[in-house]
Amino acid sequence: MARGLARDHDEKRTALRKGAAAYFAAHGFDRASMTGAAKSCGVSKALIYHYWASKEDLLYDILDDHLGALVEVVEAARSEGLRGLIGAILDAYADADAEHKLQLDALGVLPVDKQTPLIAAQRHLVDIMTDVVLEQAPQLQADPDRLRAATMSVFAVLNWFYMWHRPGKGLSREAYADLATDFAIGGLKAL
């Protein structure tokens, strides 16, 4: 008879995903190992392999979970305009620095079949931001190149926040969301 899932299966998987993301981000995915991930999480290598067959499967799961959660947040905030969307994105990034770094640095190491759904999620996020940018600057509809550049510039202001922000120092995440929104709106008005 097959063994059922433990009651805490999902919680363990979530904790391992989070711990492995921090380990991979700190050491670089290409230099990291499943043994190191297990050690970093305080579990056996066998337990890591119980959940994921390979390092790439674990990376895919980390990124799929991260981008899936981000898509949900962005979908929910899309009707709140640019200020609501920027605030929601920065809030979603709050405890996801490692996952965000892996998204930027390691997605390309995955096989194409694993990259495809992740890239589709990223494109969906860009499409939503594009729609919200167009609400602020409808004149960009006539110039797709400038619209893409404007959209990606808004993401650039948000995506690198994790690199320089230190909690408890300088602007709070909420204050930065307001500054980033004012910056984006001002820039879009000037186009």
N, C-alpha and C. Protein backbone atom coordinates (compact mmCIF):
# COMPACT_ATOMS: atom_id res chain seq x y z
N MET A 1 0.85 -1.18 0.00
CA MET A 1 0.00 0.00 0.00
C MET A 1 0.90 1.25 0.00
N ALA A 2 0.56 2.21 -0.84
CA ALA A 2 1.36 3.43 -0.94
C ALA A 2 1.19 4.30 0.29
N ARG A 3 2.31 4.93 0.67
CA ARG A 3 2.26 5.85 1.81
C ARG A 3 1.62 7.15 1.38
N GLY A 4 0.79 7.70 2.23
CA GLY A 4 0.17 9.00 1.95
C GLY A 4 1.16 10.12 2.24
N LEU A 5 0.79 11.30 1.86
CA LEU A 5 1.62 12.47 2.13
C LEU A 5 1.55 12.84 3.60
N ALA A 6 2.66 13.27 4.12
CA ALA A 6 2.68 13.75 5.50
C ALA A 6 1.82 14.99 5.61
N ARG A 7 1.28 15.22 6.80
CA ARG A 7 0.42 16.40 7.01
C ARG A 7 1.15 17.69 6.73
N ASP A 8 2.44 17.71 6.98
CA ASP A 8 3.20 18.95 6.80
C ASP A 8 4.00 18.96 5.49
N HIS A 9 3.60 18.13 4.54
CA HIS A 9 4.31 18.03 3.26
C HIS A 9 4.47 19.38 2.58
N ASP A 10 3.38 20.12 2.43
CA ASP A 10 3.43 21.40 1.73
C ASP A 10 4.27 22.42 2.48
N GLU A 11 4.16 22.42 3.81
CA GLU A 11 4.94 23.36 4.62
C GLU A 11 6.43 23.05 4.50
N LYS A 12 6.79 21.76 4.54
CA LYS A 12 8.19 21.36 4.40
C LYS A 12 8.71 21.77 3.03
N ARG A 13 7.93 21.50 2.02
CA ARG A 13 8.34 21.83 0.65
C ARG A 13 8.55 23.33 0.51
N THR A 14 7.66 24.13 1.07
CA THR A 14 7.78 25.58 1.02
C THR A 14 9.04 26.04 1.74
N ALA A 15 9.29 25.50 2.92
CA ALA A 15 10.48 25.88 3.69
C ALA A 15 11.76 25.47 2.96
N LEU A 16 11.77 24.29 2.38
CA LEU A 16 12.94 23.84 1.64
C LEU A 16 13.17 24.69 0.39
N ARG A 17 12.10 25.03 -0.28
CA ARG A 17 12.19 25.89 -1.48
C ARG A 17 12.81 27.23 -1.09
N LYS A 18 12.32 27.81 0.01
CA LYS A 18 12.82 29.11 0.48
C LYS A 18 14.29 29.01 0.88
N GLY A 19 14.65 28.00 1.63
CA GLY A 19 16.03 27.82 2.05
C GLY A 19 16.97 27.56 0.89
N ALA A 20 16.53 26.74 -0.05
CA ALA A 20 17.36 26.45 -1.23
C ALA A 20 17.52 27.69 -2.09
N ALA A 21 16.48 28.50 -2.20
CA ALA A 21 16.58 29.74 -2.98
C ALA A 21 17.64 30.65 -2.38
N ALA A 22 17.63 30.78 -1.07
CA ALA A 22 18.63 31.63 -0.40
C ALA A 22 20.04 31.07 -0.63
N TYR A 23 20.19 29.78 -0.54
CA TYR A 23 21.50 29.14 -0.77
C TYR A 23 21.95 29.34 -2.21
N PHE A 24 21.08 29.05 -3.17
CA PHE A 24 21.44 29.21 -4.59
C PHE A 24 21.79 30.66 -4.91
N ALA A 25 21.01 31.59 -4.40
CA ALA A 25 21.25 33.01 -4.67
C ALA A 25 22.58 33.47 -4.08
N ALA A 26 22.90 32.98 -2.90
CA ALA A 26 24.14 33.39 -2.22
C ALA A 26 25.38 32.79 -2.87
N HIS A 27 25.27 31.59 -3.39
CA HIS A 27 26.45 30.89 -3.92
C HIS A 27 26.52 30.86 -5.44
N GLY A 28 25.46 31.28 -6.09
CA GLY A 28 25.38 31.16 -7.54
C GLY A 28 24.89 29.77 -7.90
N PHE A 29 23.85 29.71 -8.71
CA PHE A 29 23.23 28.42 -9.02
C PHE A 29 24.23 27.46 -9.64
N ASP A 30 25.08 27.95 -10.52
CA ASP A 30 26.02 27.06 -11.21
C ASP A 30 27.05 26.45 -10.26
N ARG A 31 27.37 27.14 -9.17
CA ARG A 31 28.35 26.63 -8.21
C ARG A 31 27.69 25.89 -7.04
N ALA A 32 26.41 25.99 -6.92
CA ALA A 32 25.69 25.38 -5.80
C ALA A 32 25.43 23.90 -6.08
N SER A 33 25.18 23.16 -5.01
CA SER A 33 24.89 21.73 -5.14
C SER A 33 23.67 21.38 -4.31
N MET A 34 23.10 20.24 -4.61
CA MET A 34 21.97 19.75 -3.81
C MET A 34 22.44 19.42 -2.39
N THR A 35 23.67 18.94 -2.26
CA THR A 35 24.22 18.66 -0.94
C THR A 35 24.31 19.96 -0.14
N GLY A 36 24.80 21.02 -0.78
CA GLY A 36 24.90 22.31 -0.11
C GLY A 36 23.53 22.87 0.24
N ALA A 37 22.56 22.68 -0.66
CA ALA A 37 21.19 23.15 -0.39
C ALA A 37 20.62 22.42 0.82
N ALA A 38 20.81 21.11 0.87
CA ALA A 38 20.31 20.32 2.00
C ALA A 38 20.96 20.79 3.30
N LYS A 39 22.28 20.94 3.26
CA LYS A 39 23.01 21.37 4.46
C LYS A 39 22.53 22.75 4.90
N SER A 40 22.36 23.65 3.94
CA SER A 40 21.89 25.00 4.24
C SER A 40 20.50 24.99 4.87
N CYS A 41 19.67 24.04 4.45
CA CYS A 41 18.30 23.92 4.98
C CYS A 41 18.25 23.11 6.27
N GLY A 42 19.36 22.49 6.64
CA GLY A 42 19.39 21.69 7.86
C GLY A 42 18.69 20.35 7.73
N VAL A 43 18.70 19.81 6.50
CA VAL A 43 18.05 18.52 6.27
C VAL A 43 19.02 17.61 5.52
N SER A 44 18.63 16.37 5.37
CA SER A 44 19.47 15.43 4.63
C SER A 44 19.30 15.64 3.12
N LYS A 45 20.33 15.22 2.40
CA LYS A 45 20.25 15.27 0.94
C LYS A 45 19.11 14.38 0.45
N ALA A 46 18.88 13.27 1.14
CA ALA A 46 17.79 12.36 0.76
C ALA A 46 16.44 13.07 0.83
N LEU A 47 16.26 13.93 1.83
CA LEU A 47 14.98 14.64 1.94
C LEU A 47 14.80 15.62 0.78
N ILE A 48 15.87 16.31 0.40
CA ILE A 48 15.78 17.22 -0.76
C ILE A 48 15.38 16.41 -1.99
N TYR A 49 16.04 15.26 -2.17
CA TYR A 49 15.73 14.42 -3.34
C TYR A 49 14.35 13.76 -3.24
N HIS A 50 13.78 13.70 -2.05
CA HIS A 50 12.42 13.21 -1.90
C HIS A 50 11.44 14.17 -2.63
N TYR A 51 11.76 15.45 -2.59
CA TYR A 51 10.88 16.46 -3.19
C TYR A 51 11.25 16.78 -4.64
N TRP A 52 12.53 16.75 -4.98
CA TRP A 52 12.97 17.15 -6.33
C TRP A 52 14.01 16.16 -6.85
N ALA A 53 13.87 15.77 -8.09
CA ALA A 53 14.77 14.78 -8.69
C ALA A 53 16.13 15.37 -9.07
N SER A 54 16.18 16.70 -9.24
CA SER A 54 17.44 17.31 -9.66
C SER A 54 17.50 18.77 -9.19
N LYS A 55 18.68 19.33 -9.29
CA LYS A 55 18.88 20.74 -8.94
C LYS A 55 18.04 21.63 -9.87
N GLU A 56 17.95 21.25 -11.13
CA GLU A 56 17.17 22.03 -12.09
C GLU A 56 15.67 21.96 -11.76
N ASP A 57 15.21 20.78 -11.32
CA ASP A 57 13.80 20.66 -10.91
C ASP A 57 13.51 21.56 -9.72
N LEU A 58 14.45 21.61 -8.79
CA LEU A 58 14.28 22.48 -7.62
C LEU A 58 14.27 23.94 -8.05
N LEU A 59 15.19 24.35 -8.91
CA LEU A 59 15.21 25.73 -9.41
C LEU A 59 13.90 26.06 -10.11
N TYR A 60 13.45 25.15 -10.97
CA TYR A 60 12.18 25.38 -11.66
C TYR A 60 11.04 25.58 -10.66
N ASP A 61 10.98 24.75 -9.64
CA ASP A 61 9.92 24.86 -8.64
C ASP A 61 10.00 26.19 -7.90
N ILE A 62 11.22 26.61 -7.57
CA ILE A 62 11.40 27.91 -6.90
C ILE A 62 10.86 29.03 -7.78
N LEU A 63 11.27 29.04 -9.05
CA LEU A 63 10.88 30.12 -9.96
C LEU A 63 9.40 30.05 -10.32
N ASP A 64 8.89 28.85 -10.49
CA ASP A 64 7.46 28.69 -10.81
C ASP A 64 6.59 29.20 -9.66
N ASP A 65 6.98 28.86 -8.44
CA ASP A 65 6.24 29.33 -7.27
C ASP A 65 6.33 30.86 -7.17
N HIS A 66 7.53 31.39 -7.32
CA HIS A 66 7.74 32.85 -7.22
C HIS A 66 6.94 33.60 -8.28
N LEU A 67 7.09 33.19 -9.52
CA LEU A 67 6.39 33.90 -10.60
C LEU A 67 4.88 33.69 -10.53
N GLY A 68 4.45 32.50 -10.13
CA GLY A 68 3.02 32.24 -9.97
C GLY A 68 2.40 33.15 -8.93
N ALA A 69 3.09 33.29 -7.79
CA ALA A 69 2.59 34.19 -6.74
C ALA A 69 2.60 35.64 -7.22
N LEU A 70 3.63 36.02 -7.96
CA LEU A 70 3.72 37.38 -8.46
C LEU A 70 2.60 37.67 -9.47
N VAL A 71 2.31 36.72 -10.34
CA VAL A 71 1.21 36.90 -11.29
C VAL A 71 -0.10 37.10 -10.54
N GLU A 72 -0.34 36.32 -9.50
CA GLU A 72 -1.57 36.48 -8.72
C GLU A 72 -1.67 37.88 -8.12
N VAL A 73 -0.58 38.36 -7.55
CA VAL A 73 -0.55 39.70 -6.95
C VAL A 73 -0.80 40.77 -8.00
N VAL A 74 -0.14 40.66 -9.12
CA VAL A 74 -0.27 41.66 -10.18
C VAL A 74 -1.68 41.63 -10.79
N GLU A 75 -2.22 40.44 -10.98
CA GLU A 75 -3.60 40.34 -11.48
C GLU A 75 -4.57 41.04 -10.53
N ALA A 76 -4.38 40.82 -9.25
CA ALA A 76 -5.28 41.43 -8.25
C ALA A 76 -5.12 42.94 -8.19
N ALA A 77 -3.93 43.46 -8.49
CA ALA A 77 -3.67 44.90 -8.36
C ALA A 77 -3.82 45.67 -9.67
N ARG A 78 -4.03 45.01 -10.77
CA ARG A 78 -4.03 45.69 -12.07
C ARG A 78 -5.08 46.79 -12.16
N SER A 79 -6.20 46.64 -11.47
CA SER A 79 -7.26 47.65 -11.54
C SER A 79 -6.99 48.85 -10.63
N GLU A 80 -5.92 48.79 -9.84
CA GLU A 80 -5.59 49.87 -8.91
C GLU A 80 -4.68 50.93 -9.53
N GLY A 81 -4.42 50.83 -10.82
CA GLY A 81 -3.58 51.80 -11.50
C GLY A 81 -2.11 51.59 -11.18
N LEU A 82 -1.30 52.50 -11.70
CA LEU A 82 0.14 52.36 -11.58
C LEU A 82 0.61 52.38 -10.12
N ARG A 83 0.06 53.26 -9.31
CA ARG A 83 0.47 53.34 -7.91
C ARG A 83 0.16 52.03 -7.17
N GLY A 84 -1.02 51.50 -7.38
CA GLY A 84 -1.38 50.24 -6.73
C GLY A 84 -0.54 49.08 -7.23
N LEU A 85 -0.28 49.07 -8.53
CA LEU A 85 0.50 47.98 -9.11
C LEU A 85 1.94 48.01 -8.62
N ILE A 86 2.56 49.18 -8.62
CA ILE A 86 3.94 49.30 -8.14
C ILE A 86 4.03 48.92 -6.66
N GLY A 87 3.09 49.40 -5.86
CA GLY A 87 3.08 49.04 -4.44
C GLY A 87 2.93 47.55 -4.24
N ALA A 88 2.06 46.93 -5.01
CA ALA A 88 1.83 45.49 -4.88
C ALA A 88 3.06 44.69 -5.29
N ILE A 89 3.72 45.11 -6.36
CA ILE A 89 4.92 44.40 -6.81
C ILE A 89 6.02 44.52 -5.76
N LEU A 90 6.27 45.72 -5.27
CA LEU A 90 7.32 45.88 -4.27
C LEU A 90 6.98 45.13 -2.99
N ASP A 91 5.72 45.08 -2.63
CA ASP A 91 5.31 44.31 -1.46
C ASP A 91 5.54 42.82 -1.69
N ALA A 92 5.24 42.35 -2.90
CA ALA A 92 5.45 40.93 -3.23
C ALA A 92 6.94 40.58 -3.23
N TYR A 93 7.77 41.54 -3.55
CA TYR A 93 9.21 41.32 -3.54
C TYR A 93 9.79 41.30 -2.12
N ALA A 94 9.02 41.68 -1.12
CA ALA A 94 9.53 41.91 0.24
C ALA A 94 10.35 40.74 0.78
N ASP A 95 9.89 39.54 0.67
CA ASP A 95 10.60 38.39 1.21
C ASP A 95 11.07 37.46 0.10
N ALA A 96 11.28 38.02 -1.07
CA ALA A 96 11.62 37.19 -2.23
C ALA A 96 12.90 37.63 -2.92
N ASP A 97 13.82 38.23 -2.18
CA ASP A 97 15.06 38.69 -2.80
C ASP A 97 15.82 37.54 -3.46
N ALA A 98 15.93 36.42 -2.78
CA ALA A 98 16.67 35.29 -3.34
C ALA A 98 15.98 34.76 -4.60
N GLU A 99 14.68 34.63 -4.54
CA GLU A 99 13.93 34.14 -5.69
C GLU A 99 14.05 35.11 -6.86
N HIS A 100 13.99 36.39 -6.54
CA HIS A 100 14.10 37.41 -7.58
C HIS A 100 15.49 37.36 -8.22
N LYS A 101 16.52 37.23 -7.41
CA LYS A 101 17.88 37.14 -7.93
C LYS A 101 18.02 35.91 -8.82
N LEU A 102 17.46 34.78 -8.41
CA LEU A 102 17.52 33.58 -9.23
C LEU A 102 16.77 33.75 -10.54
N GLN A 103 15.64 34.44 -10.49
CA GLN A 103 14.88 34.70 -11.71
C GLN A 103 15.74 35.48 -12.70
N LEU A 104 16.46 36.46 -12.21
CA LEU A 104 17.29 37.29 -13.08
C LEU A 104 18.55 36.56 -13.54
N ASP A 105 19.15 35.77 -12.65
CA ASP A 105 20.46 35.18 -12.92
C ASP A 105 20.44 33.75 -13.46
N ALA A 106 19.45 32.95 -13.08
CA ALA A 106 19.56 31.51 -13.34
C ALA A 106 18.49 30.93 -14.25
N LEU A 107 17.46 31.66 -14.57
CA LEU A 107 16.39 31.09 -15.40
C LEU A 107 16.96 30.49 -16.69
N GLY A 108 17.94 31.13 -17.26
CA GLY A 108 18.51 30.69 -18.53
C GLY A 108 19.25 29.37 -18.48
N VAL A 109 19.56 28.85 -17.31
CA VAL A 109 20.25 27.56 -17.23
C VAL A 109 19.28 26.39 -17.34
N LEU A 110 18.01 26.66 -17.20
CA LEU A 110 17.02 25.59 -17.28
C LEU A 110 16.84 25.14 -18.73
N PRO A 111 16.47 23.88 -18.93
CA PRO A 111 16.15 23.43 -20.29
C PRO A 111 14.96 24.23 -20.84
N VAL A 112 14.91 24.32 -22.15
CA VAL A 112 13.89 25.14 -22.81
C VAL A 112 12.48 24.79 -22.36
N ASP A 113 12.19 23.50 -22.19
CA ASP A 113 10.83 23.11 -21.79
C ASP A 113 10.47 23.62 -20.41
N LYS A 114 11.47 23.85 -19.55
CA LYS A 114 11.20 24.42 -18.23
C LYS A 114 11.21 25.95 -18.27
N GLN A 115 11.98 26.53 -19.18
CA GLN A 115 12.01 27.98 -19.32
C GLN A 115 10.70 28.51 -19.88
N THR A 116 10.10 27.79 -20.80
CA THR A 116 8.94 28.27 -21.55
C THR A 116 7.79 28.76 -20.66
N PRO A 117 7.31 27.98 -19.69
CA PRO A 117 6.20 28.49 -18.87
C PRO A 117 6.63 29.66 -17.97
N LEU A 118 7.88 29.69 -17.56
CA LEU A 118 8.36 30.78 -16.72
C LEU A 118 8.45 32.07 -17.53
N ILE A 119 8.94 31.96 -18.73
CA ILE A 119 9.01 33.13 -19.62
C ILE A 119 7.61 33.61 -19.96
N ALA A 120 6.68 32.68 -20.13
CA ALA A 120 5.28 33.07 -20.38
C ALA A 120 4.72 33.86 -19.20
N ALA A 121 5.04 33.45 -17.99
CA ALA A 121 4.59 34.19 -16.80
C ALA A 121 5.22 35.59 -16.77
N GLN A 122 6.50 35.68 -17.09
CA GLN A 122 7.14 36.99 -17.15
C GLN A 122 6.47 37.88 -18.20
N ARG A 123 6.18 37.33 -19.35
CA ARG A 123 5.52 38.11 -20.41
C ARG A 123 4.13 38.57 -19.98
N HIS A 124 3.45 37.72 -19.24
CA HIS A 124 2.13 38.10 -18.73
C HIS A 124 2.25 39.29 -17.79
N LEU A 125 3.27 39.27 -16.93
CA LEU A 125 3.51 40.41 -16.03
C LEU A 125 3.81 41.68 -16.83
N VAL A 126 4.61 41.54 -17.87
CA VAL A 126 4.93 42.69 -18.72
C VAL A 126 3.67 43.20 -19.42
N ASP A 127 2.83 42.30 -19.89
CA ASP A 127 1.58 42.71 -20.56
C ASP A 127 0.69 43.52 -19.62
N ILE A 128 0.59 43.08 -18.38
CA ILE A 128 -0.24 43.81 -17.41
C ILE A 128 0.36 45.19 -17.15
N MET A 129 1.68 45.25 -16.94
CA MET A 129 2.31 46.54 -16.71
C MET A 129 2.15 47.44 -17.94
N THR A 130 2.24 46.88 -19.12
CA THR A 130 2.05 47.65 -20.34
C THR A 130 0.67 48.29 -20.37
N ASP A 131 -0.35 47.52 -20.02
CA ASP A 131 -1.72 48.05 -19.99
C ASP A 131 -1.83 49.21 -19.00
N VAL A 132 -1.20 49.08 -17.85
CA VAL A 132 -1.27 50.12 -16.83
C VAL A 132 -0.46 51.35 -17.24
N VAL A 133 0.67 51.13 -17.88
CA VAL A 133 1.46 52.25 -18.41
C VAL A 133 0.65 53.01 -19.46
N LEU A 134 -0.07 52.28 -20.30
CA LEU A 134 -0.90 52.93 -21.32
C LEU A 134 -2.02 53.78 -20.71
N GLU A 135 -2.50 53.37 -19.54
CA GLU A 135 -3.50 54.20 -18.86
C GLU A 135 -2.91 55.56 -18.50
N GLN A 136 -1.63 55.59 -18.14
CA GLN A 136 -0.94 56.83 -17.78
C GLN A 136 -0.49 57.60 -19.02
N ALA A 137 -0.12 56.89 -20.07
CA ALA A 137 0.44 57.53 -21.26
C ALA A 137 -0.15 56.91 -22.52
N PRO A 138 -1.43 57.19 -22.80
CA PRO A 138 -2.09 56.56 -23.95
C PRO A 138 -1.44 56.90 -25.30
N GLN A 139 -0.69 58.00 -25.35
CA GLN A 139 -0.02 58.37 -26.59
C GLN A 139 1.03 57.34 -27.02
N LEU A 140 1.48 56.51 -26.09
CA LEU A 140 2.49 55.50 -26.42
C LEU A 140 1.91 54.36 -27.25
N GLN A 141 0.60 54.25 -27.31
CA GLN A 141 -0.04 53.20 -28.13
C GLN A 141 0.45 53.27 -29.57
N ALA A 142 0.72 54.48 -30.05
CA ALA A 142 1.14 54.68 -31.44
C ALA A 142 2.62 54.36 -31.66
N ASP A 143 3.37 54.13 -30.60
CA ASP A 143 4.80 53.88 -30.74
C ASP A 143 5.21 52.68 -29.88
N PRO A 144 5.05 51.47 -30.42
CA PRO A 144 5.30 50.25 -29.65
C PRO A 144 6.72 50.17 -29.06
N ASP A 145 7.71 50.70 -29.76
CA ASP A 145 9.08 50.64 -29.24
C ASP A 145 9.22 51.49 -27.98
N ARG A 146 8.65 52.68 -28.00
CA ARG A 146 8.71 53.55 -26.81
C ARG A 146 7.84 52.98 -25.69
N LEU A 147 6.72 52.38 -26.05
CA LEU A 147 5.85 51.76 -25.03
C LEU A 147 6.61 50.63 -24.32
N ARG A 148 7.28 49.78 -25.07
CA ARG A 148 8.06 48.70 -24.46
C ARG A 148 9.17 49.27 -23.58
N ALA A 149 9.87 50.28 -24.09
CA ALA A 149 10.96 50.89 -23.32
C ALA A 149 10.42 51.51 -22.03
N ALA A 150 9.27 52.16 -22.10
CA ALA A 150 8.68 52.78 -20.91
C ALA A 150 8.28 51.70 -19.90
N THR A 151 7.65 50.65 -20.38
CA THR A 151 7.23 49.55 -19.50
C THR A 151 8.43 48.90 -18.82
N MET A 152 9.44 48.60 -19.60
CA MET A 152 10.61 47.94 -19.03
C MET A 152 11.39 48.88 -18.10
N SER A 153 11.30 50.18 -18.34
CA SER A 153 11.94 51.14 -17.43
C SER A 153 11.26 51.14 -16.07
N VAL A 154 9.93 51.00 -16.06
CA VAL A 154 9.22 50.91 -14.77
C VAL A 154 9.69 49.66 -14.04
N PHE A 155 9.77 48.54 -14.74
CA PHE A 155 10.26 47.32 -14.09
C PHE A 155 11.69 47.48 -13.60
N ALA A 156 12.52 48.19 -14.36
CA ALA A 156 13.92 48.39 -13.94
C ALA A 156 13.99 49.11 -12.60
N VAL A 157 13.12 50.08 -12.41
CA VAL A 157 13.10 50.83 -11.15
C VAL A 157 12.71 49.91 -9.99
N LEU A 158 11.90 48.91 -10.26
CA LEU A 158 11.43 47.99 -9.22
C LEU A 158 12.35 46.79 -9.03
N ASN A 159 12.83 46.23 -10.12
CA ASN A 159 13.54 44.96 -10.06
C ASN A 159 14.90 45.02 -9.40
N TRP A 160 15.52 46.18 -9.33
CA TRP A 160 16.85 46.27 -8.73
C TRP A 160 16.79 46.79 -7.31
N PHE A 161 15.61 47.01 -6.78
CA PHE A 161 15.44 47.50 -5.42
C PHE A 161 16.15 46.60 -4.41
N TYR A 162 16.06 45.30 -4.62
CA TYR A 162 16.64 44.35 -3.68
C TYR A 162 18.16 44.48 -3.58
N MET A 163 18.78 45.03 -4.62
CA MET A 163 20.25 45.12 -4.63
C MET A 163 20.79 46.19 -3.68
N TRP A 164 20.04 47.27 -3.51
CA TRP A 164 20.59 48.37 -2.72
C TRP A 164 19.82 48.66 -1.45
N HIS A 165 18.57 48.25 -1.37
CA HIS A 165 17.76 48.56 -0.20
C HIS A 165 18.17 47.71 1.00
N ARG A 166 18.28 48.34 2.14
CA ARG A 166 18.55 47.65 3.40
C ARG A 166 17.44 47.99 4.37
N PRO A 167 16.64 46.99 4.79
CA PRO A 167 15.54 47.26 5.71
C PRO A 167 16.02 48.01 6.95
N GLY A 168 15.25 49.01 7.32
CA GLY A 168 15.58 49.81 8.49
C GLY A 168 16.51 50.97 8.20
N LYS A 169 16.98 51.07 6.96
CA LYS A 169 17.86 52.17 6.57
C LYS A 169 17.25 52.88 5.37
N GLY A 170 17.28 54.19 5.39
CA GLY A 170 16.76 54.94 4.26
C GLY A 170 15.25 54.83 4.16
N LEU A 171 14.75 54.89 2.94
CA LEU A 171 13.32 54.83 2.70
C LEU A 171 12.76 53.45 3.02
N SER A 172 11.56 53.44 3.54
CA SER A 172 10.86 52.16 3.71
C SER A 172 10.42 51.67 2.34
N ARG A 173 10.03 50.43 2.28
CA ARG A 173 9.54 49.85 1.03
C ARG A 173 8.32 50.64 0.53
N GLU A 174 7.44 51.02 1.45
CA GLU A 174 6.23 51.77 1.08
C GLU A 174 6.59 53.17 0.56
N ALA A 175 7.54 53.83 1.22
CA ALA A 175 7.97 55.16 0.78
C ALA A 175 8.64 55.07 -0.59
N TYR A 176 9.41 54.02 -0.80
CA TYR A 176 10.04 53.85 -2.10
C TYR A 176 8.99 53.57 -3.18
N ALA A 177 7.94 52.83 -2.85
CA ALA A 177 6.87 52.58 -3.82
C ALA A 177 6.24 53.90 -4.27
N ASP A 178 6.03 54.81 -3.32
CA ASP A 178 5.49 56.13 -3.68
C ASP A 178 6.47 56.90 -4.54
N LEU A 179 7.75 56.90 -4.16
CA LEU A 179 8.76 57.61 -4.95
C LEU A 179 8.85 57.03 -6.36
N ALA A 180 8.89 55.70 -6.47
CA ALA A 180 8.99 55.04 -7.77
C ALA A 180 7.78 55.36 -8.63
N THR A 181 6.60 55.39 -8.01
CA THR A 181 5.38 55.72 -8.76
C THR A 181 5.42 57.16 -9.24
N ASP A 182 5.79 58.09 -8.37
CA ASP A 182 5.89 59.50 -8.77
C ASP A 182 6.92 59.67 -9.89
N PHE A 183 8.02 58.96 -9.77
CA PHE A 183 9.08 58.99 -10.78
C PHE A 183 8.54 58.48 -12.12
N ALA A 184 7.84 57.35 -12.08
CA ALA A 184 7.29 56.76 -13.31
C ALA A 184 6.21 57.66 -13.92
N ILE A 185 5.31 58.16 -13.11
CA ILE A 185 4.25 59.03 -13.64
C ILE A 185 4.84 60.30 -14.22
N GLY A 186 5.81 60.89 -13.52
CA GLY A 186 6.46 62.08 -14.06
C GLY A 186 7.14 61.82 -15.39
N GLY A 187 7.82 60.70 -15.47
CA GLY A 187 8.50 60.34 -16.72
C GLY A 187 7.52 60.06 -17.85
N LEU A 188 6.43 59.37 -17.53
CA LEU A 188 5.44 59.07 -18.57
C LEU A 188 4.73 60.33 -19.05
N LYS A 189 4.49 61.28 -18.16
CA LYS A 189 3.88 62.54 -18.57
C LYS A 189 4.78 63.33 -19.51
N ALA A 190 6.09 63.18 -19.33
CA ALA A 190 7.05 63.93 -20.14
C ALA A 190 7.23 63.35 -21.55
N LEU A 191 6.72 62.16 -21.77
CA LEU A 191 6.89 61.52 -23.10
C LEU A 191 5.98 62.14 -24.15
